Amino acid sequence: MKPLTVIDTHAHLCVEAFTRDLPAVLDRAKQAGVEAIVAVGENLEDARQNLALAKRYPAILPAAGLYPTILDMTQARKIDAFIRRHKDMLVAIGEVGLDYWKVKEEEEREIQVEIFKYFIRLSNNLDLPLNIHSRSAGRRALALLLKENARRVQMHAFDGKAAIALPGVEAGYFFSIPPSVLRSRQNQKLVRQLPLTCLLVETDSPVLGPDPKSRNEPANVRLALKAIAEIKELPVERVAEAVYENTRRLYRFER
């Protein structure tokens, strides 16, 4: 059977977990039908490494961002400068966003919000998609995105309820589902209640795999596709085509 064509819309490839065998990881992804992988970053060094990897491996689509727990506006400005300098080579700004699971203090959260707003405005200015982290802050992240009129948005591994996600759906935002949907009741409910027209797939490699104790990798994105198909009781081919089209619409990829 011919592999379904799919794009992993959120993975961390410039990390130690893939240092030794990235070529083999990418080959397994190709054999599984993974056409491309959006490689997100958490800091300036990640951004540089993602660009370097993209030059070596055509399947890697580089992004640059600042992880929400890095509460440093100076670093945000450096990432901003990097993104502006390399905007024609980057496919997204990410990951960026909010993390209220790790950041508890109100004063620190205010800094986090200001940095997030900074990147939302950069996205609108450069017309680059946002690849959003919103752990334990889904409602607040979506409210900020809507208030700032964010246009091109991917909510990565969204951990909120479907009711919280609906304003984002109405605004045309997308929600990416990782292979951990196989073991996450919250993810399963989200898939069941959100329309197929707003769903993407991702792996968040090397984490959020079907087995929390094992390294996740881009080839496993097919597991997320199959899970969506089973939950929605649809043919996996139909889900694959819809998700691919959603990804193309957000990232404006050519077929």
C-alpha atoms as a PDB file:
ATOM      1  CA  MET A   1       0.000   0.000   0.000  1.00  0.00           C
ATOM      2  CA  LYS A   2       1.339   3.447  -0.948  1.00  0.00           C
ATOM      3  CA  PRO A   3       2.110   5.606   2.126  1.00  0.00           C
ATOM      4  CA  LEU A   4      -0.239   8.508   2.781  1.00  0.00           C
ATOM      5  CA  THR A   5       1.350  11.899   2.102  1.00  0.00           C
ATOM      6  CA  VAL A   6       1.611  13.909   5.301  1.00  0.00           C
ATOM      7  CA  ILE A   7       3.485  16.887   6.766  1.00  0.00           C
ATOM      8  CA  ASP A   8       4.711  16.915  10.370  1.00  0.00           C
ATOM      9  CA  THR A   9       3.925  20.496  11.384  1.00  0.00           C
ATOM     10  CA  HIS A  10       5.890  20.640  14.646  1.00  0.00           C
ATOM     11  CA  ALA A  11       9.082  18.780  15.541  1.00  0.00           C
ATOM     12  CA  HIS A  12      12.344  19.515  17.337  1.00  0.00           C
ATOM     13  CA  LEU A  13      15.149  18.110  15.197  1.00  0.00           C
ATOM     14  CA  CYS A  14      18.199  20.078  16.385  1.00  0.00           C
ATOM     15  CA  VAL A  15      18.167  18.416  19.798  1.00  0.00           C
ATOM     16  CA  GLU A  16      20.522  15.905  21.399  1.00  0.00           C
ATOM     17  CA  ALA A  17      17.989  13.097  20.970  1.00  0.00           C
ATOM     18  CA  PHE A  18      18.611  13.167  17.203  1.00  0.00           C
ATOM     19  CA  THR A  19      22.312  14.016  17.120  1.00  0.00           C
ATOM     20  CA  ARG A  20      23.499  10.512  16.300  1.00  0.00           C
ATOM     21  CA  ASP A  21      20.957   9.260  13.778  1.00  0.00           C
ATOM     22  CA  LEU A  22      19.068  12.142  12.182  1.00  0.00           C
ATOM     23  CA  PRO A  23      19.630  10.830   8.612  1.00  0.00           C
ATOM     24  CA  ALA A  24      18.073   7.493   9.577  1.00  0.00           C
ATOM     25  CA  VAL A  25      15.187   9.286  11.327  1.00  0.00           C
ATOM     26  CA  LEU A  26      14.505  11.336   8.211  1.00  0.00           C
ATOM     27  CA  ASP A  27      14.713   8.244   6.013  1.00  0.00           C
ATOM     28  CA  ARG A  28      12.121   6.450   8.152  1.00  0.00           C
ATOM     29  CA  ALA A  29       9.911   9.503   7.907  1.00  0.00           C
ATOM     30  CA  LYS A  30      10.228   9.510   4.111  1.00  0.00           C
ATOM     31  CA  GLN A  31       9.374   5.818   3.946  1.00  0.00           C
ATOM     32  CA  ALA A  32       6.280   6.546   6.056  1.00  0.00           C
ATOM     33  CA  GLY A  33       5.085   9.159   3.572  1.00  0.00           C
ATOM     34  CA  VAL A  34       6.207  12.245   5.481  1.00  0.00           C
ATOM     35  CA  GLU A  35       6.792  14.804   2.767  1.00  0.00           C
ATOM     36  CA  ALA A  36       8.125  17.574   5.001  1.00  0.00           C
ATOM     37  CA  ILE A  37       8.787  18.470   8.640  1.00  0.00           C
ATOM     38  CA  VAL A  38       8.390  21.910  10.177  1.00  0.00           C
ATOM     39  CA  ALA A  39      11.396  22.173  12.491  1.00  0.00           C
ATOM     40  CA  VAL A  40      10.602  24.581  15.303  1.00  0.00           C
ATOM     41  CA  GLY A  41      13.109  26.255  17.590  1.00  0.00           C
ATOM     42  CA  GLU A  42      13.243  27.404  21.200  1.00  0.00           C
ATOM     43  CA  ASN A  43      16.104  29.907  21.047  1.00  0.00           C
ATOM     44  CA  LEU A  44      18.579  31.614  18.728  1.00  0.00           C
ATOM     45  CA  GLU A  45      20.931  28.627  18.540  1.00  0.00           C
ATOM     46  CA  ASP A  46      18.023  26.380  17.509  1.00  0.00           C
ATOM     47  CA  ALA A  47      17.100  28.875  14.794  1.00  0.00           C
ATOM     48  CA  ARG A  48      20.615  28.795  13.385  1.00  0.00           C
ATOM     49  CA  GLN A  49      20.761  25.007  13.525  1.00  0.00           C
ATOM     50  CA  ASN A  50      17.363  24.657  11.841  1.00  0.00           C
ATOM     51  CA  LEU A  51      18.536  26.762   8.913  1.00  0.00           C
ATOM     52  CA  ALA A  52      21.713  24.698   8.625  1.00  0.00           C
ATOM     53  CA  LEU A  53      19.733  21.443   8.702  1.00  0.00           C
ATOM     54  CA  ALA A  54      17.326  22.729   6.057  1.00  0.00           C
ATOM     55  CA  LYS A  55      20.251  23.358   3.714  1.00  0.00           C
ATOM     56  CA  ARG A  56      21.367  19.730   4.119  1.00  0.00           C
ATOM     57  CA  TYR A  57      17.955  18.050   4.116  1.00  0.00           C
ATOM     58  CA  PRO A  58      15.254  19.387   1.756  1.00  0.00           C
ATOM     59  CA  ALA A  59      12.455  17.786   3.797  1.00  0.00           C
ATOM     60  CA  ILE A  60      13.220  20.068   6.756  1.00  0.00           C
ATOM     61  CA  LEU A  61      11.299  23.361   6.783  1.00  0.00           C
ATOM     62  CA  PRO A  62      12.918  25.716   9.312  1.00  0.00           C
ATOM     63  CA  ALA A  63      11.186  27.916  11.871  1.00  0.00           C
ATOM     64  CA  ALA A  64      12.566  30.228  14.551  1.00  0.00           C
ATOM     65  CA  GLY A  65      11.063  31.100  17.907  1.00  0.00           C
ATOM     66  CA  LEU A  66      11.581  31.662  21.622  1.00  0.00           C
ATOM     67  CA  TYR A  67      10.258  29.172  24.152  1.00  0.00           C
ATOM     68  CA  PRO A  68       7.696  30.840  26.430  1.00  0.00           C
ATOM     69  CA  THR A  69       9.638  30.119  29.607  1.00  0.00           C
ATOM     70  CA  ILE A  70      12.526  32.303  28.377  1.00  0.00           C
ATOM     71  CA  LEU A  71      11.393  35.592  29.903  1.00  0.00           C
ATOM     72  CA  ASP A  72      13.965  37.821  28.251  1.00  0.00           C
ATOM     73  CA  MET A  73      12.951  40.636  25.904  1.00  0.00           C
ATOM     74  CA  THR A  74      16.564  41.017  24.785  1.00  0.00           C
ATOM     75  CA  GLN A  75      16.468  37.454  23.483  1.00  0.00           C
ATOM     76  CA  ALA A  76      13.122  38.154  21.843  1.00  0.00           C
ATOM     77  CA  ARG A  77      14.636  41.096  19.975  1.00  0.00           C
ATOM     78  CA  LYS A  78      17.544  38.936  18.811  1.00  0.00           C
ATOM     79  CA  ILE A  79      15.107  36.334  17.496  1.00  0.00           C
ATOM     80  CA  ASP A  80      13.149  39.135  15.833  1.00  0.00           C
ATOM     81  CA  ALA A  81      16.285  40.326  14.042  1.00  0.00           C
ATOM     82  CA  PHE A  82      17.128  36.782  12.968  1.00  0.00           C
ATOM     83  CA  ILE A  83      13.628  36.191  11.599  1.00  0.00           C
ATOM     84  CA  ARG A  84      13.625  39.473   9.671  1.00  0.00           C
ATOM     85  CA  ARG A  85      17.052  38.681   8.239  1.00  0.00           C
ATOM     86  CA  HIS A  86      16.061  35.171   7.128  1.00  0.00           C
ATOM     87  CA  LYS A  87      12.322  35.595   6.530  1.00  0.00           C
ATOM     88  CA  ASP A  88      12.515  34.263   2.977  1.00  0.00           C
ATOM     89  CA  MET A  89      13.971  30.964   4.235  1.00  0.00           C
ATOM     90  CA  LEU A  90      11.731  30.457   7.283  1.00  0.00           C
ATOM     91  CA  VAL A  91       8.257  28.927   7.098  1.00  0.00           C
ATOM     92  CA  ALA A  92       7.031  29.995  10.544  1.00  0.00           C
ATOM     93  CA  ILE A  93       7.647  31.839  13.794  1.00  0.00           C
ATOM     94  CA  GLY A  94       7.731  29.201  16.487  1.00  0.00           C
ATOM     95  CA  GLU A  95       7.487  27.983  18.835  1.00  0.00           C
ATOM     96  CA  VAL A  96       6.258  30.988  20.783  1.00  0.00           C
ATOM     97  CA  GLY A  97       3.341  31.565  23.131  1.00  0.00           C
ATOM     98  CA  LEU A  98       2.400  31.121  26.779  1.00  0.00           C
ATOM     99  CA  ASP A  99       3.173  28.484  29.400  1.00  0.00           C
ATOM    100  CA  TYR A 100       1.234  28.828  32.641  1.00  0.00           C
ATOM    101  CA  TRP A 101       2.145  25.303  33.706  1.00  0.00           C
ATOM    102  CA  LYS A 102       5.758  26.300  34.406  1.00  0.00           C
ATOM    103  CA  VAL A 103       5.414  30.061  34.822  1.00  0.00           C
ATOM    104  CA  LYS A 104       3.295  30.670  37.942  1.00  0.00           C
ATOM    105  CA  GLU A 105       4.154  34.165  39.158  1.00  0.00           C
ATOM    106  CA  GLU A 106       1.897  36.941  37.858  1.00  0.00           C
ATOM    107  CA  GLU A 107       4.806  39.318  37.264  1.00  0.00           C
ATOM    108  CA  GLU A 108       6.576  36.702  35.123  1.00  0.00           C
ATOM    109  CA  ARG A 109       3.369  35.948  33.251  1.00  0.00           C
ATOM    110  CA  GLU A 110       3.059  39.613  32.356  1.00  0.00           C
ATOM    111  CA  ILE A 111       6.534  39.496  30.789  1.00  0.00           C
ATOM    112  CA  GLN A 112       5.554  36.341  28.935  1.00  0.00           C
ATOM    113  CA  VAL A 113       2.435  38.025  27.566  1.00  0.00           C
ATOM    114  CA  GLU A 114       4.428  41.033  26.336  1.00  0.00           C
ATOM    115  CA  ILE A 115       6.912  38.779  24.520  1.00  0.00           C
ATOM    116  CA  PHE A 116       4.066  36.798  22.987  1.00  0.00           C
ATOM    117  CA  LYS A 117       2.376  39.982  21.752  1.00  0.00           C
ATOM    118  CA  TYR A 118       5.708  41.051  20.276  1.00  0.00           C
ATOM    119  CA  PHE A 119       5.839  37.879  18.142  1.00  0.00           C
ATOM    120  CA  ILE A 120       2.167  38.079  17.142  1.00  0.00           C
ATOM    121  CA  ARG A 121       2.808  41.547  15.756  1.00  0.00           C
ATOM    122  CA  LEU A 122       5.940  40.316  13.986  1.00  0.00           C
ATOM    123  CA  SER A 123       3.888  37.529  12.395  1.00  0.00           C
ATOM    124  CA  ASN A 124       1.339  39.998  11.090  1.00  0.00           C
ATOM    125  CA  ASN A 125       4.046  42.330   9.871  1.00  0.00           C
ATOM    126  CA  LEU A 126       5.955  39.646   7.942  1.00  0.00           C
ATOM    127  CA  ASP A 127       2.929  37.484   7.065  1.00  0.00           C
ATOM    128  CA  LEU A 128       4.533  34.375   8.581  1.00  0.00           C
ATOM    129  CA  PRO A 129       2.488  31.707  10.407  1.00  0.00           C
ATOM    130  CA  LEU A 130       2.703  31.398  14.190  1.00  0.00           C
ATOM    131  CA  ASN A 131       3.408  27.960  15.665  1.00  0.00           C
ATOM    132  CA  ILE A 132       1.965  28.346  19.166  1.00  0.00           C
ATOM    133  CA  HIS A 133       2.758  26.747  22.523  1.00  0.00           C
ATOM    134  CA  SER A 134      -0.068  27.279  25.038  1.00  0.00           C
ATOM    135  CA  ARG A 135       0.356  24.762  27.851  1.00  0.00           C
ATOM    136  CA  SER A 136      -2.210  25.396  30.596  1.00  0.00           C
ATOM    137  CA  ALA A 137      -2.885  28.754  28.928  1.00  0.00           C
ATOM    138  CA  GLY A 138      -5.073  27.936  25.947  1.00  0.00           C
ATOM    139  CA  ARG A 139      -7.859  30.362  26.752  1.00  0.00           C
ATOM    140  CA  ARG A 140      -5.460  33.233  27.441  1.00  0.00           C
ATOM    141  CA  ALA A 141      -3.333  32.512  24.364  1.00  0.00           C
ATOM    142  CA  LEU A 142      -6.342  32.455  22.061  1.00  0.00           C
ATOM    143  CA  ALA A 143      -7.722  35.645  23.607  1.00  0.00           C
ATOM    144  CA  LEU A 144      -4.430  37.431  22.921  1.00  0.00           C
ATOM    145  CA  LEU A 145      -4.230  36.103  19.367  1.00  0.00           C
ATOM    146  CA  LEU A 146      -7.746  37.321  18.646  1.00  0.00           C
ATOM    147  CA  LYS A 147      -7.182  40.691  20.316  1.00  0.00           C
ATOM    148  CA  GLU A 148      -4.005  41.229  18.284  1.00  0.00           C
ATOM    149  CA  ASN A 149      -5.765  40.113  15.073  1.00  0.00           C
ATOM    150  CA  ALA A 150      -3.355  37.242  14.423  1.00  0.00           C
ATOM    151  CA  ARG A 151      -4.100  35.848  10.979  1.00  0.00           C
ATOM    152  CA  ARG A 152      -2.046  32.693  10.394  1.00  0.00           C
ATOM    153  CA  VAL A 153      -2.050  30.494  13.493  1.00  0.00           C
ATOM    154  CA  GLN A 154      -1.267  26.903  14.469  1.00  0.00           C
ATOM    155  CA  MET A 155      -2.083  25.896  18.045  1.00  0.00           C
ATOM    156  CA  HIS A 156       0.411  23.118  18.733  1.00  0.00           C
ATOM    157  CA  ALA A 157      -0.575  20.294  21.110  1.00  0.00           C
ATOM    158  CA  PHE A 158      -3.490  22.314  22.466  1.00  0.00           C
ATOM    159  CA  ASP A 159      -4.359  21.037  25.959  1.00  0.00           C
ATOM    160  CA  GLY A 160      -7.626  22.913  26.529  1.00  0.00           C
ATOM    161  CA  LYS A 161     -11.235  21.899  26.030  1.00  0.00           C
ATOM    162  CA  ALA A 162     -12.952  22.119  22.657  1.00  0.00           C
ATOM    163  CA  ALA A 163     -15.200  24.910  23.962  1.00  0.00           C
ATOM    164  CA  ILE A 164     -12.086  26.995  24.620  1.00  0.00           C
ATOM    165  CA  ALA A 165     -10.771  26.238  21.137  1.00  0.00           C
ATOM    166  CA  LEU A 166     -13.937  27.244  19.267  1.00  0.00           C
ATOM    167  CA  PRO A 167     -13.204  31.009  19.042  1.00  0.00           C
ATOM    168  CA  GLY A 168      -9.935  30.055  17.380  1.00  0.00           C
ATOM    169  CA  VAL A 169     -11.708  27.716  14.978  1.00  0.00           C
ATOM    170  CA  GLU A 170     -14.104  30.534  14.058  1.00  0.00           C
ATOM    171  CA  ALA A 171     -11.117  32.813  13.402  1.00  0.00           C
ATOM    172  CA  GLY A 172      -9.620  30.271  10.979  1.00  0.00           C
ATOM    173  CA  TYR A 173      -6.890  28.973  13.277  1.00  0.00           C
ATOM    174  CA  PHE A 174      -5.563  25.410  13.079  1.00  0.00           C
ATOM    175  CA  PHE A 175      -4.985  22.842  15.829  1.00  0.00           C
ATOM    176  CA  SER A 176      -2.279  20.193  15.424  1.00  0.00           C
ATOM    177  CA  ILE A 177      -2.680  16.712  16.888  1.00  0.00           C
ATOM    178  CA  PRO A 178       0.347  14.661  18.059  1.00  0.00           C
ATOM    179  CA  PRO A 179       0.638  10.848  18.330  1.00  0.00           C
ATOM    180  CA  SER A 180       0.010  11.132  22.070  1.00  0.00           C
ATOM    181  CA  VAL A 181      -3.667  11.381  21.076  1.00  0.00           C
ATOM    182  CA  LEU A 182      -3.560   7.590  21.349  1.00  0.00           C
ATOM    183  CA  ARG A 183      -3.223   7.916  25.125  1.00  0.00           C
ATOM    184  CA  SER A 184      -4.767  11.339  25.810  1.00  0.00           C
ATOM    185  CA  ARG A 185      -8.501  11.515  26.504  1.00  0.00           C
ATOM    186  CA  GLN A 186      -8.320  15.306  26.285  1.00  0.00           C
ATOM    187  CA  ASN A 187      -6.817  15.107  22.775  1.00  0.00           C
ATOM    188  CA  GLN A 188      -9.404  12.524  21.759  1.00  0.00           C
ATOM    189  CA  LYS A 189     -12.260  14.762  22.893  1.00  0.00           C
ATOM    190  CA  LEU A 190     -10.710  17.694  21.042  1.00  0.00           C
ATOM    191  CA  VAL A 191     -10.503  15.696  17.809  1.00  0.00           C
ATOM    192  CA  ARG A 192     -14.057  14.442  18.231  1.00  0.00           C
ATOM    193  CA  GLN A 193     -15.510  17.925  18.691  1.00  0.00           C
ATOM    194  CA  LEU A 194     -13.435  20.093  16.356  1.00  0.00           C
ATOM    195  CA  PRO A 195     -14.115  20.100  12.600  1.00  0.00           C
ATOM    196  CA  LEU A 196     -11.701  18.272  10.312  1.00  0.00           C
ATOM    197  CA  THR A 197     -11.199  21.543   8.435  1.00  0.00           C
ATOM    198  CA  CYS A 198      -9.124  22.979  11.302  1.00  0.00           C
ATOM    199  CA  LEU A 199      -6.932  19.963  12.126  1.00  0.00           C
ATOM    200  CA  LEU A 200      -3.240  19.431  11.384  1.00  0.00           C
ATOM    201  CA  VAL A 201      -0.880  16.686  12.560  1.00  0.00           C
ATOM    202  CA  GLU A 202       2.467  16.968  14.315  1.00  0.00           C
ATOM    203  CA  THR A 203       4.800  14.840  16.416  1.00  0.00           C
ATOM    204  CA  ASP A 204       6.550  17.337  18.732  1.00  0.00           C
ATOM    205  CA  SER A 205       9.469  14.928  18.354  1.00  0.00           C
ATOM    206  CA  PRO A 206      11.237  13.761  20.409  1.00  0.00           C
ATOM    207  CA  VAL A 207       8.304  13.912  22.883  1.00  0.00           C
ATOM    208  CA  LEU A 208       4.510  13.367  22.763  1.00  0.00           C
ATOM    209  CA  GLY A 209       4.796   9.953  21.124  1.00  0.00           C
ATOM    210  CA  PRO A 210       2.469   6.975  21.569  1.00  0.00           C
ATOM    211  CA  ASP A 211       4.737   5.723  24.365  1.00  0.00           C
ATOM    212  CA  PRO A 212       5.851   8.450  26.803  1.00  0.00           C
ATOM    213  CA  LYS A 213       8.953   6.442  27.717  1.00  0.00           C
ATOM    214  CA  SER A 214      10.235   6.157  24.127  1.00  0.00           C
ATOM    215  CA  ARG A 215      11.685   8.728  21.755  1.00  0.00           C
ATOM    216  CA  ASN A 216       9.108  10.061  19.343  1.00  0.00           C
ATOM    217  CA  GLU A 217      10.049  10.772  15.706  1.00  0.00           C
ATOM    218  CA  PRO A 218       8.405  12.230  12.590  1.00  0.00           C
ATOM    219  CA  ALA A 219       7.436   8.844  11.088  1.00  0.00           C
ATOM    220  CA  ASN A 220       4.931   8.526  13.943  1.00  0.00           C
ATOM    221  CA  VAL A 221       2.855  11.391  12.548  1.00  0.00           C
ATOM    222  CA  ARG A 222       0.939   8.697  10.633  1.00  0.00           C
ATOM    223  CA  LEU A 223      -0.339   7.423  13.990  1.00  0.00           C
ATOM    224  CA  ALA A 224      -1.986  10.786  14.620  1.00  0.00           C
ATOM    225  CA  LEU A 225      -3.651  10.622  11.199  1.00  0.00           C
ATOM    226  CA  LYS A 226      -5.003   7.158  11.868  1.00  0.00           C
ATOM    227  CA  ALA A 227      -6.253   8.165  15.313  1.00  0.00           C
ATOM    228  CA  ILE A 228      -8.154  11.136  13.865  1.00  0.00           C
ATOM    229  CA  ALA A 229      -9.722   8.843  11.259  1.00  0.00           C
ATOM    230  CA  GLU A 230     -10.805   6.324  13.898  1.00  0.00           C
ATOM    231  CA  ILE A 231     -12.202   8.951  16.258  1.00  0.00           C
ATOM    232  CA  LYS A 232     -14.140  10.670  13.486  1.00  0.00           C
ATOM    233  CA  GLU A 233     -15.090   7.352  11.849  1.00  0.00           C
ATOM    234  CA  LEU A 234     -13.755   8.473   8.474  1.00  0.00           C
ATOM    235  CA  PRO A 235     -11.491   6.771   5.922  1.00  0.00           C
ATOM    236  CA  VAL A 236      -7.883   7.541   6.736  1.00  0.00           C
ATOM    237  CA  GLU A 237      -7.310   8.576   3.095  1.00  0.00           C
ATOM    238  CA  ARG A 238      -9.964  11.277   3.432  1.00  0.00           C
ATOM    239  CA  VAL A 239      -8.437  12.527   6.679  1.00  0.00           C
ATOM    240  CA  ALA A 240      -4.949  12.549   5.156  1.00  0.00           C
ATOM    241  CA  GLU A 241      -6.138  14.594   2.178  1.00  0.00           C
ATOM    242  CA  ALA A 242      -8.008  17.070   4.380  1.00  0.00           C
ATOM    243  CA  VAL A 243      -5.129  17.522   6.809  1.00  0.00           C
ATOM    244  CA  TYR A 244      -2.670  17.956   3.948  1.00  0.00           C
ATOM    245  CA  GLU A 245      -4.905  20.614   2.409  1.00  0.00           C
ATOM    246  CA  ASN A 246      -5.230  22.381   5.785  1.00  0.00           C
ATOM    247  CA  THR A 247      -1.447  22.427   6.101  1.00  0.00           C
ATOM    248  CA  ARG A 248      -1.056  23.751   2.582  1.00  0.00           C
ATOM    249  CA  ARG A 249      -3.552  26.524   3.293  1.00  0.00           C
ATOM    250  CA  LEU A 250      -1.828  27.668   6.475  1.00  0.00           C
ATOM    251  CA  TYR A 251       1.751  27.452   5.214  1.00  0.00           C
ATOM    252  CA  ARG A 252       0.936  28.190   1.554  1.00  0.00           C
ATOM    253  CA  PHE A 253       2.937  25.226   0.342  1.00  0.00           C
ATOM    254  CA  GLU A 254       2.777  24.306  -3.330  1.00  0.00           C
ATOM    255  CA  ARG A 255       1.550  20.790  -4.102  1.00  0.00           C
END
